[in-house]
PDB file of all heavy atoms in Angstrom:
ATOM      1  N   ILE A   1      -5.071   5.174  -7.499  1.00  0.00           N
ATOM      2  CA  ILE A   1      -3.619   5.118  -7.167  1.00  0.00           C
ATOM      3  C   ILE A   1      -2.981   3.899  -7.865  1.00  0.00           C
ATOM      4  O   ILE A   1      -3.409   2.753  -7.598  1.00  0.00           O
ATOM      5  CB  ILE A   1      -3.451   5.061  -5.650  1.00  0.00           C
ATOM      6  CG1 ILE A   1      -4.000   6.301  -4.990  1.00  0.00           C
ATOM      7  CG2 ILE A   1      -2.015   4.877  -5.316  1.00  0.00           C
ATOM      8  CD1 ILE A   1      -4.156   6.303  -3.544  1.00  0.00           C
ATOM      9  N   ASN A   2      -1.999   4.159  -8.703  1.00  0.00           N
ATOM     10  CA  ASN A   2      -1.330   3.091  -9.428  1.00  0.00           C
ATOM     11  C   ASN A   2      -0.267   2.420  -8.623  1.00  0.00           C
ATOM     12  O   ASN A   2       0.538   3.108  -7.926  1.00  0.00           O
ATOM     13  CB  ASN A   2      -0.704   3.643 -10.727  1.00  0.00           C
ATOM     14  CG  ASN A   2      -0.088   2.572 -11.587  1.00  0.00           C
ATOM     15  OD1 ASN A   2      -0.720   1.555 -11.845  1.00  0.00           O
ATOM     16  ND2 ASN A   2       1.147   2.801 -12.042  1.00  0.00           N
ATOM     17  N   VAL A   3      -0.220   1.057  -8.607  1.00  0.00           N
ATOM     18  CA  VAL A   3       0.747   0.302  -7.868  1.00  0.00           C
ATOM     19  C   VAL A   3       1.909  -0.092  -8.839  1.00  0.00           C
ATOM     20  O   VAL A   3       1.643  -0.667  -9.875  1.00  0.00           O
ATOM     21  CB  VAL A   3       0.155  -0.885  -7.170  1.00  0.00           C
ATOM     22  CG1 VAL A   3       1.230  -1.754  -6.475  1.00  0.00           C
ATOM     23  CG2 VAL A   3      -0.915  -0.508  -6.216  1.00  0.00           C
ATOM     24  N   ILE A   4       3.147   0.213  -8.458  1.00  0.00           N
ATOM     25  CA  ILE A   4       4.288  -0.106  -9.339  1.00  0.00           C
ATOM     26  C   ILE A   4       4.816  -1.475  -9.097  1.00  0.00           C
ATOM     27  O   ILE A   4       5.226  -2.153 -10.009  1.00  0.00           O
ATOM     28  CB  ILE A   4       5.411   0.978  -9.079  1.00  0.00           C
ATOM     29  CG1 ILE A   4       4.920   2.372  -9.423  1.00  0.00           C
ATOM     30  CG2 ILE A   4       6.647   0.639  -9.882  1.00  0.00           C
ATOM     31  CD1 ILE A   4       5.842   3.455  -8.934  1.00  0.00           C
ATOM     32  N   MET A   5       4.840  -1.945  -7.853  1.00  0.00           N
ATOM     33  CA  MET A   5       5.454  -3.173  -7.495  1.00  0.00           C
ATOM     34  C   MET A   5       4.831  -3.721  -6.215  1.00  0.00           C
ATOM     35  O   MET A   5       4.470  -2.965  -5.342  1.00  0.00           O
ATOM     36  CB  MET A   5       6.952  -2.938  -7.280  1.00  0.00           C
ATOM     37  CG  MET A   5       7.805  -3.988  -6.642  1.00  0.00           C
ATOM     38  SD  MET A   5       9.464  -3.326  -6.429  1.00  0.00           S
ATOM     39  CE  MET A   5      10.176  -4.641  -5.371  1.00  0.00           C
ATOM     40  N   ILE A   6       4.651  -5.029  -6.091  1.00  0.00           N
ATOM     41  CA  ILE A   6       3.973  -5.662  -4.953  1.00  0.00           C
ATOM     42  C   ILE A   6       4.865  -6.755  -4.353  1.00  0.00           C
ATOM     43  O   ILE A   6       5.554  -7.494  -5.086  1.00  0.00           O
ATOM     44  CB  ILE A   6       2.665  -6.290  -5.359  1.00  0.00           C
ATOM     45  CG1 ILE A   6       1.715  -5.209  -5.955  1.00  0.00           C
ATOM     46  CG2 ILE A   6       1.940  -6.954  -4.159  1.00  0.00           C
ATOM     47  CD1 ILE A   6       0.474  -5.838  -6.598  1.00  0.00           C
ATOM     48  N   SER A   7       4.822  -6.893  -3.030  1.00  0.00           N
ATOM     49  CA  SER A   7       5.626  -7.964  -2.321  1.00  0.00           C
ATOM     50  C   SER A   7       4.766  -8.401  -1.147  1.00  0.00           C
ATOM     51  O   SER A   7       4.277  -7.616  -0.366  1.00  0.00           O
ATOM     52  CB  SER A   7       6.937  -7.478  -1.916  1.00  0.00           C
ATOM     53  OG  SER A   7       7.636  -8.487  -1.216  1.00  0.00           O
ATOM     54  N   GLN A   8       4.663  -9.765  -0.989  1.00  0.00           N
ATOM     55  CA  GLN A   8       3.988 -10.281   0.201  1.00  0.00           C
ATOM     56  C   GLN A   8       4.754 -11.535   0.617  1.00  0.00           C
ATOM     57  O   GLN A   8       4.966 -12.471  -0.171  1.00  0.00           O
ATOM     58  CB  GLN A   8       2.515 -10.646   0.002  1.00  0.00           C
ATOM     59  CG  GLN A   8       1.870 -11.184   1.243  1.00  0.00           C
ATOM     60  CD  GLN A   8       0.362 -11.447   1.108  1.00  0.00           C
ATOM     61  OE1 GLN A   8      -0.146 -11.479  -0.055  1.00  0.00           O
ATOM     62  NE2 GLN A   8      -0.354 -11.547   2.184  1.00  0.00           N
ATOM     63  N   GLY A   9       5.170 -11.580   1.897  1.00  0.00           N
ATOM     64  CA  GLY A   9       5.817 -12.727   2.421  1.00  0.00           C
ATOM     65  C   GLY A   9       4.912 -13.885   2.709  1.00  0.00           C
ATOM     66  O   GLY A   9       3.707 -13.710   2.842  1.00  0.00           O
ATOM     67  N   SER A  10       5.485 -15.141   2.764  1.00  0.00           N
ATOM     68  CA  SER A  10       4.648 -16.290   2.993  1.00  0.00           C
ATOM     69  C   SER A  10       3.984 -16.241   4.400  1.00  0.00           C
ATOM     70  O   SER A  10       2.995 -16.925   4.675  1.00  0.00           O
ATOM     71  CB  SER A  10       5.471 -17.551   2.878  1.00  0.00           C
ATOM     72  OG  SER A  10       6.561 -17.554   3.773  1.00  0.00           O
ATOM     73  N   SER A  11       4.570 -15.460   5.344  1.00  0.00           N
ATOM     74  CA  SER A  11       3.987 -15.326   6.690  1.00  0.00           C
ATOM     75  C   SER A  11       2.645 -14.612   6.670  1.00  0.00           C
ATOM     76  O   SER A  11       1.856 -14.698   7.563  1.00  0.00           O
ATOM     77  CB  SER A  11       4.970 -14.593   7.595  1.00  0.00           C
ATOM     78  OG  SER A  11       5.040 -13.198   7.198  1.00  0.00           O
ATOM     79  N   GLN A  12       2.441 -13.791   5.547  1.00  0.00           N
ATOM     80  CA  GLN A  12       1.171 -13.025   5.391  1.00  0.00           C
ATOM     81  C   GLN A  12       0.931 -12.049   6.498  1.00  0.00           C
ATOM     82  O   GLN A  12      -0.202 -11.692   6.782  1.00  0.00           O
ATOM     83  CB  GLN A  12      -0.022 -14.001   5.229  1.00  0.00           C
ATOM     84  CG  GLN A  12       0.096 -14.938   4.038  1.00  0.00           C
ATOM     85  CD  GLN A  12      -1.131 -15.810   3.876  1.00  0.00           C
ATOM     86  OE1 GLN A  12      -2.289 -15.275   3.952  1.00  0.00           O
ATOM     87  NE2 GLN A  12      -0.968 -17.068   3.632  1.00  0.00           N
ATOM     88  N   HIS A  13       2.002 -11.583   7.123  1.00  0.00           N
ATOM     89  CA  HIS A  13       1.858 -10.553   8.172  1.00  0.00           C
ATOM     90  C   HIS A  13       1.866  -9.134   7.589  1.00  0.00           C
ATOM     91  O   HIS A  13       1.583  -8.227   8.280  1.00  0.00           O
ATOM     92  CB  HIS A  13       2.933 -10.673   9.228  1.00  0.00           C
ATOM     93  CG  HIS A  13       2.861 -11.931  10.024  1.00  0.00           C
ATOM     94  ND1 HIS A  13       3.902 -12.685  10.441  1.00  0.00           N
ATOM     95  CD2 HIS A  13       1.757 -12.603  10.501  1.00  0.00           C
ATOM     96  CE1 HIS A  13       3.522 -13.697  11.121  1.00  0.00           C
ATOM     97  NE2 HIS A  13       2.150 -13.673  11.212  1.00  0.00           N
ATOM     98  N   ASN A  14       2.301  -9.037   6.358  1.00  0.00           N
ATOM     99  CA  ASN A  14       2.271  -7.712   5.736  1.00  0.00           C
ATOM    100  C   ASN A  14       2.124  -7.839   4.189  1.00  0.00           C
ATOM    101  O   ASN A  14       2.543  -8.799   3.579  1.00  0.00           O
ATOM    102  CB  ASN A  14       3.512  -6.878   6.096  1.00  0.00           C
ATOM    103  CG  ASN A  14       4.669  -7.046   5.159  1.00  0.00           C
ATOM    104  OD1 ASN A  14       4.601  -6.610   4.034  1.00  0.00           O
ATOM    105  ND2 ASN A  14       5.678  -7.747   5.653  1.00  0.00           N
ATOM    106  N   ILE A  15       1.499  -6.799   3.598  1.00  0.00           N
ATOM    107  CA  ILE A  15       1.497  -6.637   2.162  1.00  0.00           C
ATOM    108  C   ILE A  15       2.150  -5.323   1.925  1.00  0.00           C
ATOM    109  O   ILE A  15       1.723  -4.249   2.431  1.00  0.00           O
ATOM    110  CB  ILE A  15       0.057  -6.600   1.612  1.00  0.00           C
ATOM    111  CG1 ILE A  15      -0.683  -7.951   1.938  1.00  0.00           C
ATOM    112  CG2 ILE A  15       0.058  -6.336   0.110  1.00  0.00           C
ATOM    113  CD1 ILE A  15      -2.145  -7.917   1.563  1.00  0.00           C
ATOM    114  N   SER A  16       3.237  -5.301   1.211  1.00  0.00           N
ATOM    115  CA  SER A  16       3.934  -4.071   0.917  1.00  0.00           C
ATOM    116  C   SER A  16       4.004  -3.790  -0.613  1.00  0.00           C
ATOM    117  O   SER A  16       4.026  -4.753  -1.392  1.00  0.00           O
ATOM    118  CB  SER A  16       5.334  -4.067   1.502  1.00  0.00           C
ATOM    119  OG  SER A  16       5.988  -5.260   1.160  1.00  0.00           O
ATOM    120  N   PHE A  17       3.995  -2.612  -0.955  1.00  0.00           N
ATOM    121  CA  PHE A  17       3.961  -2.213  -2.412  1.00  0.00           C
ATOM    122  C   PHE A  17       4.624  -0.886  -2.606  1.00  0.00           C
ATOM    123  O   PHE A  17       4.638   0.000  -1.751  1.00  0.00           O
ATOM    124  CB  PHE A  17       2.548  -2.260  -2.979  1.00  0.00           C
ATOM    125  CG  PHE A  17       1.537  -1.445  -2.184  1.00  0.00           C
ATOM    126  CD1 PHE A  17       1.313  -0.120  -2.481  1.00  0.00           C
ATOM    127  CD2 PHE A  17       0.879  -2.020  -1.107  1.00  0.00           C
ATOM    128  CE1 PHE A  17       0.446   0.634  -1.739  1.00  0.00           C
ATOM    129  CE2 PHE A  17      -0.052  -1.297  -0.384  1.00  0.00           C
ATOM    130  CZ  PHE A  17      -0.268   0.069  -0.705  1.00  0.00           C
ATOM    131  N   ALA A  18       5.146  -0.672  -3.803  1.00  0.00           N
ATOM    132  CA  ALA A  18       5.729   0.563  -4.177  1.00  0.00           C
ATOM    133  C   ALA A  18       4.821   1.348  -5.061  1.00  0.00           C
ATOM    134  O   ALA A  18       4.144   0.812  -5.913  1.00  0.00           O
ATOM    135  CB  ALA A  18       7.072   0.346  -4.938  1.00  0.00           C
ATOM    136  N   ILE A  19       4.706   2.639  -4.767  1.00  0.00           N
ATOM    137  CA  ILE A  19       3.846   3.558  -5.563  1.00  0.00           C
ATOM    138  C   ILE A  19       4.611   4.847  -5.803  1.00  0.00           C
ATOM    139  O   ILE A  19       5.684   5.118  -5.192  1.00  0.00           O
ATOM    140  CB  ILE A  19       2.545   3.887  -4.828  1.00  0.00           C
ATOM    141  CG1 ILE A  19       2.804   4.461  -3.494  1.00  0.00           C
ATOM    142  CG2 ILE A  19       1.670   2.637  -4.757  1.00  0.00           C
ATOM    143  CD1 ILE A  19       1.528   4.926  -2.750  1.00  0.00           C
ATOM    144  N   SER A  20       4.027   5.689  -6.735  1.00  0.00           N
ATOM    145  CA  SER A  20       4.659   6.987  -7.001  1.00  0.00           C
ATOM    146  C   SER A  20       4.671   7.822  -5.750  1.00  0.00           C
ATOM    147  O   SER A  20       3.731   7.794  -4.917  1.00  0.00           O
ATOM    148  CB  SER A  20       3.895   7.657  -8.130  1.00  0.00           C
ATOM    149  OG  SER A  20       4.377   8.999  -8.299  1.00  0.00           O
ATOM    150  N   GLU A  21       5.752   8.585  -5.571  1.00  0.00           N
ATOM    151  CA  GLU A  21       5.863   9.446  -4.372  1.00  0.00           C
ATOM    152  C   GLU A  21       4.713  10.392  -4.230  1.00  0.00           C
ATOM    153  O   GLU A  21       4.239  10.647  -3.170  1.00  0.00           O
ATOM    154  CB  GLU A  21       7.203  10.237  -4.468  1.00  0.00           C
ATOM    155  CG  GLU A  21       7.516  11.001  -3.181  1.00  0.00           C
ATOM    156  CD  GLU A  21       8.896  11.608  -3.247  1.00  0.00           C
ATOM    157  OE1 GLU A  21       9.461  11.729  -4.341  1.00  0.00           O
ATOM    158  OE2 GLU A  21       9.428  11.949  -2.154  1.00  0.00           O
ATOM    159  N   LYS A  22       4.167  10.898  -5.357  1.00  0.00           N
ATOM    160  CA  LYS A  22       3.085  11.860  -5.281  1.00  0.00           C
ATOM    161  C   LYS A  22       1.764  11.247  -4.784  1.00  0.00           C
ATOM    162  O   LYS A  22       0.883  11.981  -4.263  1.00  0.00           O
ATOM    163  CB  LYS A  22       2.836  12.468  -6.665  1.00  0.00           C
ATOM    164  CG  LYS A  22       2.336  11.514  -7.759  1.00  0.00           C
ATOM    165  CD  LYS A  22       2.098  12.206  -9.072  1.00  0.00           C
ATOM    166  CE  LYS A  22       1.709  11.241 -10.155  1.00  0.00           C
ATOM    167  NZ  LYS A  22       0.490  10.469  -9.882  1.00  0.00           N
ATOM    168  N   ASP A  23       1.629   9.941  -4.878  1.00  0.00           N
ATOM    169  CA  ASP A  23       0.427   9.248  -4.398  1.00  0.00           C
ATOM    170  C   ASP A  23       0.594   8.670  -3.010  1.00  0.00           C
ATOM    171  O   ASP A  23      -0.384   8.105  -2.455  1.00  0.00           O
ATOM    172  CB  ASP A  23       0.066   8.106  -5.347  1.00  0.00           C
ATOM    173  CG  ASP A  23      -0.311   8.578  -6.749  1.00  0.00           C
ATOM    174  OD1 ASP A  23      -0.882   9.627  -6.833  1.00  0.00           O
ATOM    175  OD2 ASP A  23      -0.004   7.866  -7.680  1.00  0.00           O
ATOM    176  N   ALA A  24       1.740   8.746  -2.359  1.00  0.00           N
ATOM    177  CA  ALA A  24       2.067   8.011  -1.155  1.00  0.00           C
ATOM    178  C   ALA A  24       1.148   8.370  -0.047  1.00  0.00           C
ATOM    179  O   ALA A  24       0.519   7.488   0.569  1.00  0.00           O
ATOM    180  CB  ALA A  24       3.526   8.215  -0.768  1.00  0.00           C
ATOM    181  N   GLU A  25       1.016   9.599   0.331  1.00  0.00           N
ATOM    182  CA  GLU A  25       0.229   9.996   1.445  1.00  0.00           C
ATOM    183  C   GLU A  25      -1.230   9.721   1.282  1.00  0.00           C
ATOM    184  O   GLU A  25      -1.933   9.297   2.182  1.00  0.00           O
ATOM    185  CB  GLU A  25       0.443  11.478   1.873  1.00  0.00           C
ATOM    186  CG  GLU A  25       1.874  11.698   2.346  1.00  0.00           C
ATOM    187  CD  GLU A  25       2.028  13.120   3.003  1.00  0.00           C
ATOM    188  OE1 GLU A  25       1.009  13.822   3.071  1.00  0.00           O
ATOM    189  OE2 GLU A  25       3.139  13.448   3.404  1.00  0.00           O
ATOM    190  N   GLU A  26      -1.701   9.880   0.055  1.00  0.00           N
ATOM    191  CA  GLU A  26      -3.149   9.600  -0.253  1.00  0.00           C
ATOM    192  C   GLU A  26      -3.401   8.065  -0.117  1.00  0.00           C
ATOM    193  O   GLU A  26      -4.471   7.719   0.380  1.00  0.00           O
ATOM    194  CB  GLU A  26      -3.471  10.077  -1.632  1.00  0.00           C
ATOM    195  CG  GLU A  26      -4.932   9.821  -2.083  1.00  0.00           C
ATOM    196  CD  GLU A  26      -5.981  10.516  -1.155  1.00  0.00           C
ATOM    197  OE1 GLU A  26      -5.588  11.475  -0.427  1.00  0.00           O
ATOM    198  OE2 GLU A  26      -7.123  10.095  -1.118  1.00  0.00           O
ATOM    199  N   ALA A  27      -2.420   7.276  -0.470  1.00  0.00           N
ATOM    200  CA  ALA A  27      -2.582   5.834  -0.349  1.00  0.00           C
ATOM    201  C   ALA A  27      -2.724   5.437   1.137  1.00  0.00           C
ATOM    202  O   ALA A  27      -3.563   4.624   1.488  1.00  0.00           O
ATOM    203  CB  ALA A  27      -1.371   5.134  -0.967  1.00  0.00           C
ATOM    204  N   VAL A  28      -1.893   6.069   1.966  1.00  0.00           N
ATOM    205  CA  VAL A  28      -1.957   5.812   3.397  1.00  0.00           C
ATOM    206  C   VAL A  28      -3.359   6.164   3.933  1.00  0.00           C
ATOM    207  O   VAL A  28      -3.986   5.449   4.689  1.00  0.00           O
ATOM    208  CB  VAL A  28      -0.851   6.521   4.159  1.00  0.00           C
ATOM    209  CG1 VAL A  28      -1.076   6.456   5.709  1.00  0.00           C
ATOM    210  CG2 VAL A  28       0.497   5.993   3.810  1.00  0.00           C
ATOM    211  N   ARG A  29      -3.836   7.376   3.560  1.00  0.00           N
ATOM    212  CA  ARG A  29      -5.167   7.809   4.023  1.00  0.00           C
ATOM    213  C   ARG A  29      -6.280   6.934   3.546  1.00  0.00           C
ATOM    214  O   ARG A  29      -7.172   6.562   4.318  1.00  0.00           O
ATOM    215  CB  ARG A  29      -5.408   9.262   3.520  1.00  0.00           C
ATOM    216  CG  ARG A  29      -4.591  10.305   4.280  1.00  0.00           C
ATOM    217  CD  ARG A  29      -5.072  11.722   3.938  1.00  0.00           C
ATOM    218  NE  ARG A  29      -4.530  12.119   2.646  1.00  0.00           N
ATOM    219  CZ  ARG A  29      -3.414  12.812   2.486  1.00  0.00           C
ATOM    220  NH1 ARG A  29      -2.746  13.194   3.528  1.00  0.00           N
ATOM    221  NH2 ARG A  29      -2.988  13.164   1.288  1.00  0.00           N
ATOM    222  N   VAL A  30      -6.227   6.479   2.316  1.00  0.00           N
ATOM    223  CA  VAL A  30      -7.232   5.608   1.720  1.00  0.00           C
ATOM    224  C   VAL A  30      -7.298   4.321   2.489  1.00  0.00           C
ATOM    225  O   VAL A  30      -8.409   3.817   2.841  1.00  0.00           O
ATOM    226  CB  VAL A  30      -6.944   5.380   0.229  1.00  0.00           C
ATOM    227  CG1 VAL A  30      -7.720   4.157  -0.295  1.00  0.00           C
ATOM    228  CG2 VAL A  30      -7.283   6.634  -0.578  1.00  0.00           C
ATOM    229  N   LEU A  31      -6.127   3.665   2.743  1.00  0.00           N
ATOM    230  CA  LEU A  31      -6.061   2.351   3.398  1.00  0.00           C
ATOM    231  C   LEU A  31      -6.424   2.477   4.855  1.00  0.00           C
ATOM    232  O   LEU A  31      -7.090   1.567   5.466  1.00  0.00           O
ATOM    233  CB  LEU A  31      -4.717   1.727   3.209  1.00  0.00           C
ATOM    234  CG  LEU A  31      -4.398   1.325   1.776  1.00  0.00           C
ATOM    235  CD1 LEU A  31      -2.950   0.951   1.632  1.00  0.00           C
ATOM    236  CD2 LEU A  31      -5.293   0.212   1.270  1.00  0.00           C
ATOM    237  N   HIS A  32      -5.998   3.532   5.512  1.00  0.00           N
ATOM    238  CA  HIS A  32      -6.338   3.762   6.946  1.00  0.00           C
ATOM    239  C   HIS A  32      -7.845   3.836   7.122  1.00  0.00           C
ATOM    240  O   HIS A  32      -8.438   3.206   8.022  1.00  0.00           O
ATOM    241  CB  HIS A  32      -5.674   5.072   7.396  1.00  0.00           C
ATOM    242  CG  HIS A  32      -5.610   5.143   8.928  1.00  0.00           C
ATOM    243  ND1 HIS A  32      -6.604   5.792   9.635  1.00  0.00           N
ATOM    244  CD2 HIS A  32      -4.676   4.733   9.826  1.00  0.00           C
ATOM    245  CE1 HIS A  32      -6.239   5.753  10.965  1.00  0.00           C
ATOM    246  NE2 HIS A  32      -5.103   5.097  11.044  1.00  0.00           N
ATOM    247  N   GLN A  33      -8.496   4.503   6.188  1.00  0.00           N
ATOM    248  CA  GLN A  33      -9.941   4.612   6.216  1.00  0.00           C
ATOM    249  C   GLN A  33     -10.641   3.301   5.833  1.00  0.00           C
ATOM    250  O   GLN A  33     -11.624   2.863   6.476  1.00  0.00           O
ATOM    251  CB  GLN A  33     -10.441   5.690   5.272  1.00  0.00           C
ATOM    252  CG  GLN A  33     -11.926   5.924   5.261  1.00  0.00           C
ATOM    253  CD  GLN A  33     -12.339   7.113   4.420  1.00  0.00           C
ATOM    254  OE1 GLN A  33     -11.551   7.658   3.721  1.00  0.00           O
ATOM    255  NE2 GLN A  33     -13.613   7.454   4.425  1.00  0.00           N
ATOM    256  N   GLU A  34     -10.086   2.587   4.876  1.00  0.00           N
ATOM    257  CA  GLU A  34     -10.667   1.336   4.345  1.00  0.00           C
ATOM    258  C   GLU A  34     -10.739   0.294   5.484  1.00  0.00           C
ATOM    259  O   GLU A  34     -11.738  -0.476   5.599  1.00  0.00           O
ATOM    260  CB  GLU A  34      -9.815   0.794   3.202  1.00  0.00           C
ATOM    261  CG  GLU A  34     -10.322  -0.498   2.631  1.00  0.00           C
ATOM    262  CD  GLU A  34     -11.671  -0.397   1.907  1.00  0.00           C
ATOM    263  OE1 GLU A  34     -11.997   0.689   1.448  1.00  0.00           O
ATOM    264  OE2 GLU A  34     -12.355  -1.445   1.707  1.00  0.00           O
ATOM    265  N   PHE A  35      -9.775   0.236   6.341  1.00  0.00           N
ATOM    266  CA  PHE A  35      -9.725  -0.733   7.415  1.00  0.00           C
ATOM    267  C   PHE A  35     -10.189  -0.229   8.739  1.00  0.00           C
ATOM    268  O   PHE A  35     -10.060  -0.864   9.812  1.00  0.00           O
ATOM    269  CB  PHE A  35      -8.293  -1.356   7.543  1.00  0.00           C
ATOM    270  CG  PHE A  35      -7.954  -2.279   6.383  1.00  0.00           C
ATOM    271  CD1 PHE A  35      -7.184  -1.786   5.289  1.00  0.00           C
ATOM    272  CD2 PHE A  35      -8.362  -3.569   6.325  1.00  0.00           C
ATOM    273  CE1 PHE A  35      -6.872  -2.610   4.233  1.00  0.00           C
ATOM    274  CE2 PHE A  35      -8.091  -4.413   5.261  1.00  0.00           C
ATOM    275  CZ  PHE A  35      -7.343  -3.915   4.192  1.00  0.00           C
ATOM    276  N   GLY A  36     -10.740   1.006   8.734  1.00  0.00           N
ATOM    277  CA  GLY A  36     -11.358   1.568   9.943  1.00  0.00           C
ATOM    278  C   GLY A  36     -10.376   1.743  11.080  1.00  0.00           C
ATOM    279  O   GLY A  36     -10.729   1.627  12.258  1.00  0.00           O
TER     280      GLY A  36
END
């Protein structure tokens, strides 16, 4: 899954990134599984 753009605030409470719409749901599934 290719990442187009990344942003993380200094608070480090979130990491957000933009990806292609076609990859969006798969990215959510991959990360949900990765962090159990």
